[in-house]
């Protein structure tokens, strides 16, 4: 159970934050804004070195601020990955978010994989969803707004 200061009846945040926090929350509405992609990338001038390092070490070293998301993605692909907290230059690849690709270009990085797409979500504490009709009414209104934007 998270500390009381982390509890909320409902709110809006990115899907990535909900996954990374690993809290028991319901995602009721995809608001379809704030879009970004989770990507795996490596320096363009080191293309192919990660595969050789993996063959030699038996694991891929990956820097990220999103260890839960990255670990789950590599595990789903059957790749043994050592996830480290953003020590770029000491790892084979990174996992991060991108919206425009500007940071990738500025740092001479190339995308080697896509983990998922993320957008803002309306989330609800499951207990509140069962007990407070206002929360579900708000979810319905947000969903109607989202449909009107399509």
C-alpha atoms as a PDB file:
ATOM      1  CA  UNK A   1       0.000   0.000   0.000  1.00  0.00           C
ATOM      2  CA  UNK A   2       1.471   3.380  -0.958  1.00  0.00           C
ATOM      3  CA  UNK A   3       1.911   6.053   1.689  1.00  0.00           C
ATOM      4  CA  UNK A   4      -1.229   8.187   2.293  1.00  0.00           C
ATOM      5  CA  UNK A   5       0.323  11.116   0.408  1.00  0.00           C
ATOM      6  CA  UNK A   6       0.304   9.002  -2.784  1.00  0.00           C
ATOM      7  CA  UNK A   7      -3.350   8.063  -2.629  1.00  0.00           C
ATOM      8  CA  UNK A   8      -5.839   9.625  -4.998  1.00  0.00           C
ATOM      9  CA  UNK A   9      -9.455   8.990  -5.883  1.00  0.00           C
ATOM     10  CA  UNK A  10      -8.731   9.704  -9.529  1.00  0.00           C
ATOM     11  CA  UNK A  11      -6.388  11.667 -11.747  1.00  0.00           C
ATOM     12  CA  UNK A  12      -4.704  12.097 -15.108  1.00  0.00           C
ATOM     13  CA  UNK A  13      -1.164  11.053 -15.987  1.00  0.00           C
ATOM     14  CA  UNK A  14       0.775   9.221 -18.648  1.00  0.00           C
ATOM     15  CA  UNK A  15       0.318   5.494 -19.120  1.00  0.00           C
ATOM     16  CA  UNK A  16       4.067   5.075 -18.570  1.00  0.00           C
ATOM     17  CA  UNK A  17       3.812   6.599 -15.090  1.00  0.00           C
ATOM     18  CA  UNK A  18       0.992   4.242 -14.191  1.00  0.00           C
ATOM     19  CA  UNK A  19       2.956   1.211 -15.350  1.00  0.00           C
ATOM     20  CA  UNK A  20       6.196   2.290 -13.708  1.00  0.00           C
ATOM     21  CA  UNK A  21       4.475   3.073 -10.384  1.00  0.00           C
ATOM     22  CA  UNK A  22       2.934  -0.436 -10.359  1.00  0.00           C
ATOM     23  CA  UNK A  23      -0.052   0.668  -8.302  1.00  0.00           C
ATOM     24  CA  UNK A  24      -3.481  -0.951  -8.219  1.00  0.00           C
ATOM     25  CA  UNK A  25      -5.314   1.626 -10.346  1.00  0.00           C
ATOM     26  CA  UNK A  26      -7.901   1.378 -13.100  1.00  0.00           C
ATOM     27  CA  UNK A  27      -7.204   3.157 -16.386  1.00  0.00           C
ATOM     28  CA  UNK A  28     -10.685   4.169 -17.498  1.00  0.00           C
ATOM     29  CA  UNK A  29     -10.133   6.615 -20.377  1.00  0.00           C
ATOM     30  CA  UNK A  30      -7.308   7.060 -22.886  1.00  0.00           C
ATOM     31  CA  UNK A  31      -7.351  10.830 -23.401  1.00  0.00           C
ATOM     32  CA  UNK A  32      -5.188  10.550 -26.525  1.00  0.00           C
ATOM     33  CA  UNK A  33      -2.955  13.536 -25.846  1.00  0.00           C
ATOM     34  CA  UNK A  34       0.585  13.919 -24.584  1.00  0.00           C
ATOM     35  CA  UNK A  35       1.614  11.104 -26.908  1.00  0.00           C
ATOM     36  CA  UNK A  36       5.115   9.708 -26.796  1.00  0.00           C
ATOM     37  CA  UNK A  37       6.848   6.463 -27.675  1.00  0.00           C
ATOM     38  CA  UNK A  38       9.064   4.298 -25.531  1.00  0.00           C
ATOM     39  CA  UNK A  39      12.074   3.345 -27.573  1.00  0.00           C
ATOM     40  CA  UNK A  40      15.309   1.435 -27.307  1.00  0.00           C
ATOM     41  CA  UNK A  41      18.263   3.261 -28.858  1.00  0.00           C
ATOM     42  CA  UNK A  42      22.018   3.130 -29.254  1.00  0.00           C
ATOM     43  CA  UNK A  43      24.708   5.507 -30.502  1.00  0.00           C
ATOM     44  CA  UNK A  44      24.777   5.496 -34.304  1.00  0.00           C
ATOM     45  CA  UNK A  45      28.545   5.095 -34.322  1.00  0.00           C
ATOM     46  CA  UNK A  46      28.286   1.946 -32.161  1.00  0.00           C
ATOM     47  CA  UNK A  47      25.696   0.102 -34.255  1.00  0.00           C
ATOM     48  CA  UNK A  48      26.059  -3.659 -33.943  1.00  0.00           C
ATOM     49  CA  UNK A  49      28.304  -3.562 -30.857  1.00  0.00           C
ATOM     50  CA  UNK A  50      25.411  -4.353 -28.513  1.00  0.00           C
ATOM     51  CA  UNK A  51      24.763  -7.696 -30.203  1.00  0.00           C
ATOM     52  CA  UNK A  52      28.435  -8.646 -29.944  1.00  0.00           C
ATOM     53  CA  UNK A  53      28.532  -7.603 -26.278  1.00  0.00           C
ATOM     54  CA  UNK A  54      25.376  -9.647 -25.634  1.00  0.00           C
ATOM     55  CA  UNK A  55      26.957 -12.701 -27.260  1.00  0.00           C
ATOM     56  CA  UNK A  56      30.102 -12.255 -25.141  1.00  0.00           C
ATOM     57  CA  UNK A  57      28.501 -11.361 -21.771  1.00  0.00           C
ATOM     58  CA  UNK A  58      25.166 -13.104 -22.072  1.00  0.00           C
ATOM     59  CA  UNK A  59      23.347  -9.918 -21.130  1.00  0.00           C
ATOM     60  CA  UNK A  60      22.596  -6.502 -22.529  1.00  0.00           C
ATOM     61  CA  UNK A  61      23.396  -3.446 -20.384  1.00  0.00           C
ATOM     62  CA  UNK A  62      20.588  -0.895 -20.624  1.00  0.00           C
ATOM     63  CA  UNK A  63      20.340   2.571 -19.067  1.00  0.00           C
ATOM     64  CA  UNK A  64      16.880   3.938 -18.275  1.00  0.00           C
ATOM     65  CA  UNK A  65      14.755   5.939 -15.876  1.00  0.00           C
ATOM     66  CA  UNK A  66      12.013   3.336 -16.425  1.00  0.00           C
ATOM     67  CA  UNK A  67      13.345   0.048 -15.007  1.00  0.00           C
ATOM     68  CA  UNK A  68       9.986  -1.721 -14.667  1.00  0.00           C
ATOM     69  CA  UNK A  69       8.924  -0.996 -18.244  1.00  0.00           C
ATOM     70  CA  UNK A  70      12.329  -1.839 -19.705  1.00  0.00           C
ATOM     71  CA  UNK A  71      12.730  -5.076 -17.730  1.00  0.00           C
ATOM     72  CA  UNK A  72       9.267  -6.285 -18.743  1.00  0.00           C
ATOM     73  CA  UNK A  73       9.938  -5.545 -22.430  1.00  0.00           C
ATOM     74  CA  UNK A  74      13.260  -7.374 -22.503  1.00  0.00           C
ATOM     75  CA  UNK A  75      11.810 -10.295 -20.548  1.00  0.00           C
ATOM     76  CA  UNK A  76       8.913 -10.580 -23.025  1.00  0.00           C
ATOM     77  CA  UNK A  77      11.489 -10.867 -25.827  1.00  0.00           C
ATOM     78  CA  UNK A  78      13.616 -13.443 -23.983  1.00  0.00           C
ATOM     79  CA  UNK A  79      16.556 -11.039 -23.702  1.00  0.00           C
ATOM     80  CA  UNK A  80      18.673 -11.111 -20.551  1.00  0.00           C
ATOM     81  CA  UNK A  81      19.108  -7.417 -19.708  1.00  0.00           C
ATOM     82  CA  UNK A  82      20.940  -5.693 -16.884  1.00  0.00           C
ATOM     83  CA  UNK A  83      18.965  -2.514 -16.190  1.00  0.00           C
ATOM     84  CA  UNK A  84      21.002   0.347 -14.732  1.00  0.00           C
ATOM     85  CA  UNK A  85      20.063   3.855 -13.690  1.00  0.00           C
ATOM     86  CA  UNK A  86      21.019   6.200 -16.519  1.00  0.00           C
ATOM     87  CA  UNK A  87      24.759   5.686 -16.778  1.00  0.00           C
ATOM     88  CA  UNK A  88      24.895   6.406 -20.483  1.00  0.00           C
ATOM     89  CA  UNK A  89      28.272   5.561 -21.935  1.00  0.00           C
ATOM     90  CA  UNK A  90      28.581   2.567 -19.628  1.00  0.00           C
ATOM     91  CA  UNK A  91      25.741   0.670 -21.277  1.00  0.00           C
ATOM     92  CA  UNK A  92      24.988  -0.904 -24.619  1.00  0.00           C
ATOM     93  CA  UNK A  93      21.642   0.805 -25.123  1.00  0.00           C
ATOM     94  CA  UNK A  94      19.088   3.086 -23.512  1.00  0.00           C
ATOM     95  CA  UNK A  95      15.339   2.890 -23.052  1.00  0.00           C
ATOM     96  CA  UNK A  96      13.621   6.260 -22.937  1.00  0.00           C
ATOM     97  CA  UNK A  97      10.651   8.209 -24.217  1.00  0.00           C
ATOM     98  CA  UNK A  98      10.573  10.280 -27.372  1.00  0.00           C
ATOM     99  CA  UNK A  99       7.934  12.466 -28.920  1.00  0.00           C
ATOM    100  CA  UNK A 100       9.722  14.348 -31.689  1.00  0.00           C
ATOM    101  CA  UNK A 101      13.090  12.571 -31.959  1.00  0.00           C
ATOM    102  CA  UNK A 102      15.032  15.807 -31.440  1.00  0.00           C
ATOM    103  CA  UNK A 103      17.004  14.523 -28.440  1.00  0.00           C
ATOM    104  CA  UNK A 104      17.865  11.349 -30.327  1.00  0.00           C
ATOM    105  CA  UNK A 105      19.218  13.360 -33.251  1.00  0.00           C
ATOM    106  CA  UNK A 106      21.097  15.784 -30.992  1.00  0.00           C
ATOM    107  CA  UNK A 107      22.832  12.862 -29.265  1.00  0.00           C
ATOM    108  CA  UNK A 108      23.470  10.829 -32.418  1.00  0.00           C
ATOM    109  CA  UNK A 109      21.229   7.964 -31.250  1.00  0.00           C
ATOM    110  CA  UNK A 110      19.341   5.564 -33.495  1.00  0.00           C
ATOM    111  CA  UNK A 111      16.216   3.661 -32.547  1.00  0.00           C
ATOM    112  CA  UNK A 112      16.720  -0.098 -32.326  1.00  0.00           C
ATOM    113  CA  UNK A 113      13.299  -1.033 -30.924  1.00  0.00           C
ATOM    114  CA  UNK A 114       9.898   0.284 -29.887  1.00  0.00           C
ATOM    115  CA  UNK A 115       8.449  -0.797 -26.572  1.00  0.00           C
ATOM    116  CA  UNK A 116       5.061   0.933 -26.587  1.00  0.00           C
ATOM    117  CA  UNK A 117       3.164   4.130 -27.220  1.00  0.00           C
ATOM    118  CA  UNK A 118       1.882   6.214 -24.327  1.00  0.00           C
ATOM    119  CA  UNK A 119      -0.787   8.839 -23.905  1.00  0.00           C
ATOM    120  CA  UNK A 120      -2.430  10.512 -20.935  1.00  0.00           C
ATOM    121  CA  UNK A 121      -4.953   8.382 -19.053  1.00  0.00           C
ATOM    122  CA  UNK A 122      -7.743   9.049 -16.626  1.00  0.00           C
ATOM    123  CA  UNK A 123      -7.158   6.668 -13.728  1.00  0.00           C
ATOM    124  CA  UNK A 124      -9.234   5.723 -10.722  1.00  0.00           C
ATOM    125  CA  UNK A 125      -8.615   4.108  -7.381  1.00  0.00           C
ATOM    126  CA  UNK A 126     -10.630   0.823  -7.668  1.00  0.00           C
ATOM    127  CA  UNK A 127     -12.305   1.329  -4.289  1.00  0.00           C
ATOM    128  CA  UNK A 128     -13.435   4.819  -5.225  1.00  0.00           C
ATOM    129  CA  UNK A 129     -14.759   3.575  -8.573  1.00  0.00           C
ATOM    130  CA  UNK A 130     -17.044   1.158  -6.711  1.00  0.00           C
ATOM    131  CA  UNK A 131     -18.174   3.623  -4.053  1.00  0.00           C
ATOM    132  CA  UNK A 132     -18.445   7.036  -5.686  1.00  0.00           C
ATOM    133  CA  UNK A 133     -20.725   7.523  -8.680  1.00  0.00           C
ATOM    134  CA  UNK A 134     -19.116  10.922  -9.346  1.00  0.00           C
ATOM    135  CA  UNK A 135     -15.871   9.235 -10.396  1.00  0.00           C
ATOM    136  CA  UNK A 136     -17.620   7.053 -12.972  1.00  0.00           C
ATOM    137  CA  UNK A 137     -19.666  10.040 -14.148  1.00  0.00           C
ATOM    138  CA  UNK A 138     -16.431  11.974 -14.704  1.00  0.00           C
ATOM    139  CA  UNK A 139     -14.998   8.993 -16.607  1.00  0.00           C
ATOM    140  CA  UNK A 140     -18.104   8.942 -18.827  1.00  0.00           C
ATOM    141  CA  UNK A 141     -17.824  12.676 -19.494  1.00  0.00           C
ATOM    142  CA  UNK A 142     -14.113  12.365 -20.357  1.00  0.00           C
ATOM    143  CA  UNK A 143     -14.822   9.437 -22.661  1.00  0.00           C
ATOM    144  CA  UNK A 144     -17.558  11.440 -24.417  1.00  0.00           C
ATOM    145  CA  UNK A 145     -15.168  14.372 -24.824  1.00  0.00           C
ATOM    146  CA  UNK A 146     -12.532  12.014 -26.249  1.00  0.00           C
ATOM    147  CA  UNK A 147     -14.999  10.601 -28.785  1.00  0.00           C
ATOM    148  CA  UNK A 148     -15.933  14.144 -29.840  1.00  0.00           C
ATOM    149  CA  UNK A 149     -12.257  14.862 -30.594  1.00  0.00           C
ATOM    150  CA  UNK A 150     -11.870  11.882 -32.949  1.00  0.00           C
END
